[in-house]
Amino acid sequence: MLVNEGVNQKTVVMKTFFTIVMLLIASVSFAKPKPRNDFKILSVKKNVLYFKVDRAFVGGVVEIYDANKKFMEADSLPHTHTMIYFDEMPSGHYVVTVKKGRKHTEFKYDSDSDYSGGAAGSPL
């Protein structure tokens, strides 16, 4: 009789443990995913902008516009990490646009600033 009580107690513990694990799995699967940023400014130094974009943009195009929305330059985007050199452009405010298919993102860059860590870049 004592053997059956031990087996029943182990069964109850295992069922309880299994129920808790399943509840945790269910709660994680219904949680909202974190919103992903399409870009991240990694560094801004003396006329050089270093940024990272989401993998979905690889193979797309980077376009640069001045503050008056005049097209300045464009180049392909072969990697997620990209550097843009503004040393041959007049100082001022720029809009950097990254496009691929229907997906696009853009952010502002101020070539007069010399900040590090993304302070000079901001989403529009």
Foldseek 3Di string as FASTA:
>chain_A
DVVVVVVVVVVVVVVVVVVVVVVVVVVVVPDDDDDDDQKFFAWAAQQKTKIFGDPVLAQWKKWKAAPVRHTDDMDHHNHRIDMDGCPPPDFAKMKIKGDDDPDIFIWIAGNVDGDTGQPRIDGD
